[in-house]
Amino acid sequence: MKTPPRWCSILVAFATPLLCHAAKKTPPPTDTVLFSFKDSKALPGKTPSGCLVTDGASFYGTTLTGRGKAGVIYKLDSSNHYTVLHTFADGENATPFKKGLLDPGFPLTLVGSTLYGVAYGGGANSSPGHGPSGLIYSIGTDGSNFTKLHEFPAIQNDGRNPVGTPLVSGGVIYGVTANGGAHSVGVIYRLNTNGTGYQVLRSMDLDSGFPTGSLKLVGSTLYGTTFNPLPGAIHKIQTDGTGYTQLHVFGSGGGNGLLSGNGLVAIGSTFYGLTYDKPPGGKSSVYSIFTYDTNGGAFHQIAFTDILFQGATNVCGSLALVNGVLVGITGGGGTHHAGAIFRINPDGSDYSRLFSFGPAGKGINPGGALLPSADGSLVRGTTTAGGAVDKGTIFSFPIAPAGA
């Protein structure tokens, strides 16, 4: 047999470790589907909405629909066992909001062993041409004691259709409505957690805009955001209803962005949020991130570029702070045009797309915001579609340590 040339042996000697090194290359991180919504008779609920909350042992959330009726409040335990805690139904005098649904649709707040939430459409009260006025509710984490704390009345000057995540502090619930009030553009309200003491702190007007997102509390000051008919604004008000002030009004077409309505996340005395804009002649909205310093009042746009979110059609939810890094999601865009997870440093540097949702079989089109684990090693969230039967999922995604 003819002996191979010496150069062949040398080539094999060099190539072998290279091939072994390539074989050991770490694959990119991917999502893990913890639960696929099926909306079956045994497991009602589909199209999860809003964000997850946790008590350290289980996760809680809401869905927009369930078995062709109103949505549900659900629990997912550490073994990924799914339990429906409550199904919204007409039997609770919950007049359907749209398509026959009550549409809880907003994230819950967990205080101790009690969950607090709002339903945009529901309650016993309806106004002509507007449908049900909405309600504020509470329920135990074991599914007991579902209580309608406040059903918004169908009268002029009061709020109608609550939105956002209830802010609970010192036995008081603070929140906003999308409609109603003296000028029909919503109110800022407070309510004791036992259902007493409801008070409109401020009726919004056309100068201040419609309140949106969720309130943040710093000391005795509530901070929030508004959107249309103005470009949107950041505002504050004291918990007793005094001292309402517009802190910053977003520009239009000039690089300042229109408020996206996704709420604020705080790092020290600085708030971070998301805005969008549609530049003159532009075919699609452009998303960016802003900061507002509550100490000095400085507003800064840390990123504003049409490639920032790489084809995103909807930046949803609020940003999440994970190990000193801001992490968020897009409802569209990404490699499969089904949404993505991105990260960016608080100073606007080191933007990267971590993950693109899809293809079929896993979750697509995420919504709400991400919930970091206690150690920051992963985030959990929900998708509005995809999964085993295309009715949405609860997923987790690993987050690499800073600098990794």
Protein backbone atom coordinates (compact mmCIF):
# COMPACT_ATOMS: atom_id res chain seq x y z
CA MET A 1 0.00 0.00 0.00
CA LYS A 2 1.27 3.45 -0.90
CA THR A 3 2.27 5.56 2.12
CA PRO A 4 0.38 8.95 2.31
CA PRO A 5 2.52 12.03 1.87
CA ARG A 6 3.94 13.51 5.08
CA TRP A 7 1.89 16.70 4.59
CA CYS A 8 -1.35 14.69 4.97
CA SER A 9 -0.29 13.61 8.46
CA ILE A 10 0.54 17.17 9.36
CA LEU A 11 -2.85 18.36 8.07
CA VAL A 12 -4.69 15.73 10.11
CA ALA A 13 -2.71 16.65 13.21
CA PHE A 14 -3.71 20.30 12.91
CA ALA A 15 -7.31 19.71 11.77
CA THR A 16 -8.29 17.24 14.49
CA PRO A 17 -8.15 19.66 17.46
CA LEU A 18 -9.86 22.32 15.38
CA LEU A 19 -12.74 19.99 14.56
CA CYS A 20 -13.01 18.94 18.20
CA HIS A 21 -13.07 22.60 19.25
CA ALA A 22 -15.83 23.32 16.72
CA ALA A 23 -17.85 20.38 18.00
CA LYS A 24 -17.71 21.77 21.53
CA LYS A 25 -19.01 25.21 20.49
CA THR A 26 -21.79 26.27 22.88
CA PRO A 27 -25.14 26.66 21.08
CA PRO A 28 -26.95 29.99 21.45
CA PRO A 29 -29.41 30.19 24.37
CA THR A 30 -33.04 29.45 23.65
CA ASP A 31 -36.36 29.67 25.43
CA THR A 32 -37.90 26.88 27.46
CA VAL A 33 -41.65 26.44 27.28
CA LEU A 34 -42.85 25.90 30.84
CA PHE A 35 -46.51 25.64 29.92
CA SER A 36 -48.60 25.73 26.74
CA PHE A 37 -52.11 27.09 27.13
CA LYS A 38 -54.71 24.69 25.71
CA ASP A 39 -58.04 26.27 26.69
CA SER A 40 -59.50 22.82 27.27
CA LYS A 41 -62.41 22.01 29.53
CA ALA A 42 -59.98 20.87 32.22
CA LEU A 43 -57.48 23.70 31.64
CA PRO A 44 -59.36 26.79 30.45
CA GLY A 45 -57.52 29.94 29.45
CA LYS A 46 -55.69 31.20 26.39
CA THR A 47 -53.84 34.32 25.23
CA PRO A 48 -52.03 35.17 28.48
CA SER A 49 -51.84 38.88 29.12
CA GLY A 50 -49.69 41.19 31.14
CA CYS A 51 -46.76 40.08 33.30
CA LEU A 52 -46.21 37.27 35.74
CA VAL A 53 -45.88 37.86 39.47
CA THR A 54 -44.37 35.42 41.95
CA ASP A 55 -44.39 34.66 45.65
CA GLY A 56 -41.14 32.73 45.31
CA ALA A 57 -42.87 29.39 44.92
CA SER A 58 -45.48 29.90 42.20
CA PHE A 59 -46.30 32.31 39.37
CA TYR A 60 -49.60 34.11 38.81
CA GLY A 61 -51.15 35.81 35.81
CA THR A 62 -54.28 36.40 33.76
CA THR A 63 -55.54 35.44 30.31
CA LEU A 64 -57.71 37.43 27.93
CA THR A 65 -60.06 34.57 27.16
CA GLY A 66 -61.08 31.14 28.32
CA ARG A 67 -63.43 28.58 26.81
CA GLY A 68 -65.04 31.26 24.66
CA LYS A 69 -65.89 33.35 27.69
CA ALA A 70 -64.10 35.81 29.91
CA GLY A 71 -60.48 35.42 30.97
CA VAL A 72 -59.06 33.56 33.95
CA ILE A 73 -56.65 34.14 36.82
CA TYR A 74 -54.16 31.27 36.92
CA LYS A 75 -51.32 29.84 38.98
CA LEU A 76 -48.27 27.89 37.77
CA ASP A 77 -46.34 26.14 40.53
CA SER A 78 -42.66 25.19 40.63
CA SER A 79 -43.49 21.86 38.97
CA ASN A 80 -45.22 23.72 36.11
CA HIS A 81 -48.61 22.49 37.30
CA TYR A 82 -51.33 24.85 36.03
CA THR A 83 -54.34 25.78 38.17
CA VAL A 84 -57.20 28.15 37.37
CA LEU A 85 -57.86 30.25 40.47
CA HIS A 86 -60.83 32.14 39.07
CA THR A 87 -62.85 32.40 35.87
CA PHE A 88 -64.48 35.74 35.08
CA ALA A 89 -68.12 35.17 34.20
CA ASP A 90 -71.39 36.94 33.54
CA GLY A 91 -72.65 35.46 36.79
CA GLU A 92 -70.57 38.10 38.57
CA ASN A 93 -72.51 40.83 36.75
CA ALA A 94 -69.50 41.22 34.49
CA THR A 95 -70.92 42.69 31.32
CA PRO A 96 -68.69 41.65 28.39
CA PHE A 97 -66.23 44.27 27.20
CA LYS A 98 -65.56 43.11 23.65
CA LYS A 99 -66.17 39.93 21.72
CA GLY A 100 -68.05 38.62 24.72
CA LEU A 101 -65.01 38.87 26.98
CA LEU A 102 -64.44 40.56 30.29
CA ASP A 103 -60.78 41.01 29.35
CA PRO A 104 -58.84 41.25 32.64
CA GLY A 105 -55.84 41.99 30.45
CA PHE A 106 -53.52 43.69 32.94
CA PRO A 107 -50.79 42.47 35.31
CA LEU A 108 -51.54 41.55 38.90
CA THR A 109 -49.98 42.95 42.05
CA LEU A 110 -49.07 40.53 44.84
CA VAL A 111 -49.08 41.68 48.47
CA GLY A 112 -48.60 38.92 51.01
CA SER A 113 -51.00 36.18 49.93
CA THR A 114 -53.42 38.49 48.12
CA LEU A 115 -53.47 39.34 44.41
CA TYR A 116 -54.90 42.67 43.22
CA GLY A 117 -55.98 43.41 39.66
CA VAL A 118 -58.23 45.46 37.41
CA ALA A 119 -60.65 44.51 34.65
CA TYR A 120 -61.02 47.12 31.91
CA GLY A 121 -64.48 45.89 31.01
CA GLY A 122 -66.62 44.35 33.72
CA GLY A 123 -68.70 45.09 36.77
CA ALA A 124 -72.39 45.78 37.04
CA ASN A 125 -72.32 49.35 35.73
CA SER A 126 -72.53 50.38 32.08
CA SER A 127 -72.85 53.73 30.42
CA PRO A 128 -74.66 54.27 27.09
CA GLY A 129 -72.30 53.83 24.17
CA HIS A 130 -69.37 52.82 26.35
CA GLY A 131 -70.22 49.41 27.75
CA PRO A 132 -69.18 48.24 31.24
CA SER A 133 -67.15 50.65 33.36
CA GLY A 134 -64.69 48.14 34.84
CA LEU A 135 -63.73 46.97 38.31
CA ILE A 136 -60.90 46.53 40.81
CA TYR A 137 -60.67 43.11 42.45
CA SER A 138 -58.66 41.01 44.88
CA ILE A 139 -58.23 37.27 45.32
CA GLY A 140 -56.17 34.96 47.54
CA THR A 141 -53.24 33.09 46.01
CA ASP A 142 -55.13 29.89 46.78
CA GLY A 143 -58.12 31.09 44.74
CA SER A 144 -60.25 31.99 47.75
CA ASN A 145 -62.07 35.22 48.57
CA PHE A 146 -62.49 36.74 45.13
CA THR A 147 -63.79 40.21 45.93
CA LYS A 148 -64.95 43.05 43.71
CA LEU A 149 -63.40 45.91 45.67
CA HIS A 150 -64.79 48.67 43.46
CA GLU A 151 -67.08 48.72 40.44
CA PHE A 152 -66.67 51.98 38.57
CA PRO A 153 -70.00 53.78 38.30
CA ALA A 154 -71.57 54.82 35.03
CA ILE A 155 -71.74 58.49 36.01
CA GLN A 156 -70.09 61.61 34.70
CA ASN A 157 -66.95 62.91 36.43
CA ASP A 158 -65.89 59.48 37.69
CA GLY A 159 -63.30 57.16 36.21
CA ARG A 160 -64.11 54.41 33.76
CA ASN A 161 -62.11 51.44 32.43
CA PRO A 162 -59.10 50.98 34.75
CA VAL A 163 -55.76 50.09 33.14
CA GLY A 164 -52.26 49.14 34.23
CA THR A 165 -50.99 47.35 37.30
CA PRO A 166 -52.51 48.44 40.62
CA LEU A 167 -49.93 50.07 42.91
CA VAL A 168 -50.50 48.91 46.49
CA SER A 169 -48.79 50.67 49.40
CA GLY A 170 -49.73 51.11 53.06
CA GLY A 171 -53.15 49.52 52.63
CA VAL A 172 -54.05 51.78 49.68
CA ILE A 173 -54.44 50.98 45.98
CA TYR A 174 -53.41 53.67 43.48
CA GLY A 175 -54.23 53.47 39.79
CA VAL A 176 -55.51 55.13 36.64
CA THR A 177 -58.42 54.77 34.26
CA ALA A 178 -58.32 55.18 30.49
CA ASN A 179 -61.68 56.95 30.27
CA GLY A 180 -64.16 58.89 32.35
CA GLY A 181 -63.52 61.82 34.63
CA ALA A 182 -64.62 65.43 34.26
CA HIS A 183 -63.08 65.67 30.77
CA SER A 184 -63.60 62.07 29.62
CA VAL A 185 -59.86 61.34 29.40
CA GLY A 186 -59.44 59.29 32.57
CA VAL A 187 -58.56 59.81 36.23
CA ILE A 188 -55.92 59.01 38.84
CA TYR A 189 -57.60 57.31 41.81
CA ARG A 190 -56.97 55.76 45.23
CA LEU A 191 -58.88 53.04 47.09
CA ASN A 192 -58.31 51.27 50.39
CA THR A 193 -57.48 47.58 50.02
CA ASN A 194 -60.69 46.71 51.90
CA GLY A 195 -62.75 48.45 49.20
CA THR A 196 -63.52 51.63 51.14
CA GLY A 197 -62.37 55.20 50.69
CA TYR A 198 -62.48 55.46 46.88
CA GLN A 199 -61.30 58.91 45.77
CA VAL A 200 -60.52 60.57 42.45
CA LEU A 201 -57.18 62.30 42.99
CA ARG A 202 -57.28 64.06 39.64
CA SER A 203 -59.46 64.15 36.53
CA MET A 204 -57.15 64.34 33.54
CA ASP A 205 -57.78 66.84 30.73
CA LEU A 206 -56.73 67.37 27.13
CA ASP A 207 -53.64 69.26 28.24
CA SER A 208 -52.42 66.38 30.39
CA GLY A 209 -53.60 63.51 28.15
CA PHE A 210 -54.91 60.02 28.87
CA PRO A 211 -53.11 58.25 31.75
CA THR A 212 -51.47 54.98 30.79
CA GLY A 213 -49.16 52.33 32.14
CA SER A 214 -48.71 51.98 35.89
CA LEU A 215 -47.89 54.43 38.65
CA LYS A 216 -44.61 54.44 40.58
CA LEU A 217 -44.34 55.64 44.19
CA VAL A 218 -41.31 57.53 45.53
CA GLY A 219 -41.88 58.72 49.09
CA SER A 220 -45.33 60.34 48.95
CA THR A 221 -45.12 61.16 45.23
CA LEU A 222 -46.78 59.20 42.47
CA TYR A 223 -45.12 59.24 39.04
CA GLY A 224 -46.89 58.22 35.86
CA THR A 225 -47.23 58.69 32.13
CA THR A 226 -49.84 59.82 29.62
CA PHE A 227 -50.34 59.47 25.88
CA ASN A 228 -52.69 60.93 23.20
CA PRO A 229 -54.11 63.42 22.30
CA LEU A 230 -50.75 65.03 23.11
CA PRO A 231 -47.53 63.20 22.27
CA GLY A 232 -47.51 62.07 25.88
CA ALA A 233 -45.91 63.19 29.11
CA ILE A 234 -44.28 62.18 32.40
CA HIS A 235 -46.14 63.61 35.38
CA LYS A 236 -46.30 63.47 39.17
CA ILE A 237 -48.90 63.98 41.88
CA GLN A 238 -48.91 63.62 45.66
CA THR A 239 -50.77 60.70 47.22
CA ASP A 240 -53.30 63.16 48.67
CA GLY A 241 -54.09 64.52 45.20
CA THR A 242 -52.16 67.80 45.49
CA GLY A 243 -49.18 69.06 43.51
CA TYR A 244 -49.99 67.73 40.05
CA THR A 245 -47.12 68.64 37.72
CA GLN A 246 -46.17 67.76 34.16
CA LEU A 247 -42.47 66.98 34.26
CA HIS A 248 -41.73 66.36 30.60
CA VAL A 249 -43.82 66.52 27.43
CA PHE A 250 -42.63 64.33 24.59
CA GLY A 251 -42.00 65.92 21.22
CA SER A 252 -43.28 64.76 17.87
CA GLY A 253 -41.09 64.00 14.86
CA GLY A 254 -38.11 65.78 16.38
CA GLY A 255 -36.32 62.88 18.00
CA ASN A 256 -38.01 63.07 21.40
CA GLY A 257 -40.50 60.32 20.73
CA LEU A 258 -44.14 59.71 21.55
CA LEU A 259 -44.80 57.93 24.80
CA SER A 260 -45.34 54.24 24.20
CA GLY A 261 -47.53 53.73 27.24
CA ASN A 262 -45.43 50.96 28.74
CA GLY A 263 -44.77 52.38 32.16
CA LEU A 264 -41.53 53.15 33.97
CA VAL A 265 -38.77 51.17 35.67
CA ALA A 266 -36.69 52.81 38.41
CA ILE A 267 -32.95 52.57 39.02
CA GLY A 268 -32.17 54.74 42.01
CA SER A 269 -33.64 58.18 41.33
CA THR A 270 -33.81 57.60 37.57
CA PHE A 271 -36.78 56.29 35.61
CA TYR A 272 -36.34 54.39 32.36
CA GLY A 273 -39.06 53.99 29.77
CA LEU A 274 -39.81 53.29 26.13
CA THR A 275 -41.04 55.70 23.46
CA TYR A 276 -41.78 55.53 19.78
CA ASP A 277 -41.89 58.02 16.96
CA LYS A 278 -42.80 58.04 13.31
CA PRO A 279 -40.31 60.34 11.54
CA PRO A 280 -41.57 62.52 8.68
CA GLY A 281 -41.94 60.32 5.62
CA GLY A 282 -41.21 57.20 7.65
CA LYS A 283 -43.19 54.06 6.96
CA SER A 284 -42.94 52.59 10.44
CA SER A 285 -42.53 53.65 14.03
CA VAL A 286 -39.07 53.92 15.54
CA TYR A 287 -38.57 52.90 19.16
CA SER A 288 -36.15 54.30 21.69
CA ILE A 289 -35.31 54.36 25.40
CA PHE A 290 -35.41 57.43 27.63
CA THR A 291 -34.33 58.32 31.14
CA TYR A 292 -35.76 60.87 33.56
CA ASP A 293 -33.93 61.90 36.74
CA THR A 294 -36.42 62.64 39.54
CA ASN A 295 -33.77 64.59 41.44
CA GLY A 296 -32.67 67.09 38.82
CA GLY A 297 -35.43 66.68 36.26
CA ALA A 298 -33.01 65.86 33.46
CA PHE A 299 -34.50 64.03 30.47
CA HIS A 300 -32.24 62.08 28.17
CA GLN A 301 -32.87 59.83 25.20
CA ILE A 302 -30.19 57.17 25.39
CA ALA A 303 -31.00 55.49 22.09
CA PHE A 304 -32.93 56.53 19.01
CA THR A 305 -32.35 54.57 15.83
CA ASP A 306 -34.45 52.66 13.37
CA ILE A 307 -32.21 49.60 13.78
CA LEU A 308 -32.21 49.58 17.58
CA PHE A 309 -34.89 46.91 17.81
CA GLN A 310 -34.00 45.26 14.49
CA GLY A 311 -37.37 45.11 12.78
CA ALA A 312 -39.53 45.27 15.89
CA THR A 313 -43.16 46.06 15.20
CA ASN A 314 -44.09 46.51 18.83
CA VAL A 315 -41.98 47.11 21.90
CA CYS A 316 -44.23 45.88 24.68
CA GLY A 317 -44.34 45.92 28.42
CA SER A 318 -41.85 47.82 30.51
CA LEU A 319 -38.13 47.21 30.78
CA ALA A 320 -36.84 44.82 33.42
CA LEU A 321 -33.63 45.36 35.39
CA VAL A 322 -31.57 42.15 35.48
CA ASN A 323 -28.13 42.23 37.12
CA GLY A 324 -27.69 45.90 36.28
CA VAL A 325 -28.77 45.47 32.65
CA LEU A 326 -32.07 46.53 31.05
CA VAL A 327 -33.86 43.64 29.34
CA GLY A 328 -37.03 43.97 27.27
CA ILE A 329 -39.14 42.30 24.61
CA THR A 330 -40.61 43.17 21.24
CA GLY A 331 -43.97 41.78 20.15
CA GLY A 332 -42.80 41.53 16.53
CA GLY A 333 -39.56 41.65 14.61
CA GLY A 334 -36.64 39.32 15.11
CA THR A 335 -35.43 36.59 12.78
CA HIS A 336 -38.86 34.97 12.47
CA HIS A 337 -40.88 38.20 12.77
CA ALA A 338 -42.43 36.76 15.93
CA GLY A 339 -40.81 38.91 18.60
CA ALA A 340 -37.47 39.15 20.34
CA ILE A 341 -35.67 39.65 23.66
CA PHE A 342 -33.09 42.44 23.80
CA ARG A 343 -30.68 43.92 26.33
CA ILE A 344 -29.01 47.30 26.71
CA ASN A 345 -26.91 48.92 29.43
CA PRO A 346 -28.51 51.79 31.40
CA ASP A 347 -26.08 54.21 29.74
CA GLY A 348 -27.29 53.16 26.27
CA SER A 349 -24.25 51.04 25.39
CA ASP A 350 -23.93 47.39 24.40
CA TYR A 351 -27.32 46.85 22.79
CA SER A 352 -27.85 43.31 21.55
CA ARG A 353 -30.68 41.07 20.53
CA LEU A 354 -30.52 38.02 22.77
CA PHE A 355 -33.17 35.84 21.19
CA SER A 356 -35.76 35.68 18.41
CA PHE A 357 -39.05 33.88 19.10
CA GLY A 358 -40.28 31.15 16.74
CA PRO A 359 -40.53 28.99 14.75
CA ALA A 360 -43.84 27.19 15.27
CA GLY A 361 -44.13 24.82 18.21
CA LYS A 362 -42.79 27.33 20.71
CA GLY A 363 -44.17 30.65 21.90
CA ILE A 364 -44.46 33.61 19.53
CA ASN A 365 -45.42 37.27 19.95
CA PRO A 366 -44.51 37.90 23.61
CA GLY A 367 -46.44 40.47 25.64
CA GLY A 368 -46.14 42.29 28.92
CA ALA A 369 -42.78 42.48 30.67
CA LEU A 370 -40.22 39.92 31.77
CA LEU A 371 -39.97 38.69 35.36
CA PRO A 372 -36.36 38.13 36.52
CA SER A 373 -35.53 35.25 38.84
CA ALA A 374 -34.23 36.11 42.30
CA ASP A 375 -30.63 35.39 41.28
CA GLY A 376 -30.93 37.07 37.85
CA SER A 377 -29.97 33.88 36.01
CA LEU A 378 -33.13 33.81 33.91
CA VAL A 379 -36.31 35.68 33.06
CA ARG A 380 -39.86 34.39 32.67
CA GLY A 381 -42.65 35.77 30.55
CA THR A 382 -45.65 34.95 28.39
CA THR A 383 -46.39 34.81 24.68
CA THR A 384 -49.81 35.60 23.28
CA ALA A 385 -49.63 32.85 20.66
CA GLY A 386 -47.66 29.75 19.73
CA GLY A 387 -47.10 26.70 21.87
CA ALA A 388 -48.55 23.24 21.48
CA VAL A 389 -51.94 24.42 20.18
CA ASP A 390 -51.16 28.06 19.32
CA LYS A 391 -52.92 29.54 22.36
CA GLY A 392 -49.89 31.06 24.07
CA THR A 393 -47.16 29.97 26.46
CA ILE A 394 -45.32 30.69 29.68
CA PHE A 395 -41.58 30.55 29.00
CA SER A 396 -38.19 31.05 30.60
CA PHE A 397 -34.95 32.33 29.05
CA PRO A 398 -31.42 32.26 30.52
CA ILE A 399 -29.57 35.54 31.09
CA ALA A 400 -25.79 35.45 31.06
CA PRO A 401 -24.02 37.23 33.93
CA ALA A 402 -22.80 40.76 33.23
CA GLY A 403 -19.60 40.70 31.21
CA ALA A 404 -20.05 37.08 30.12
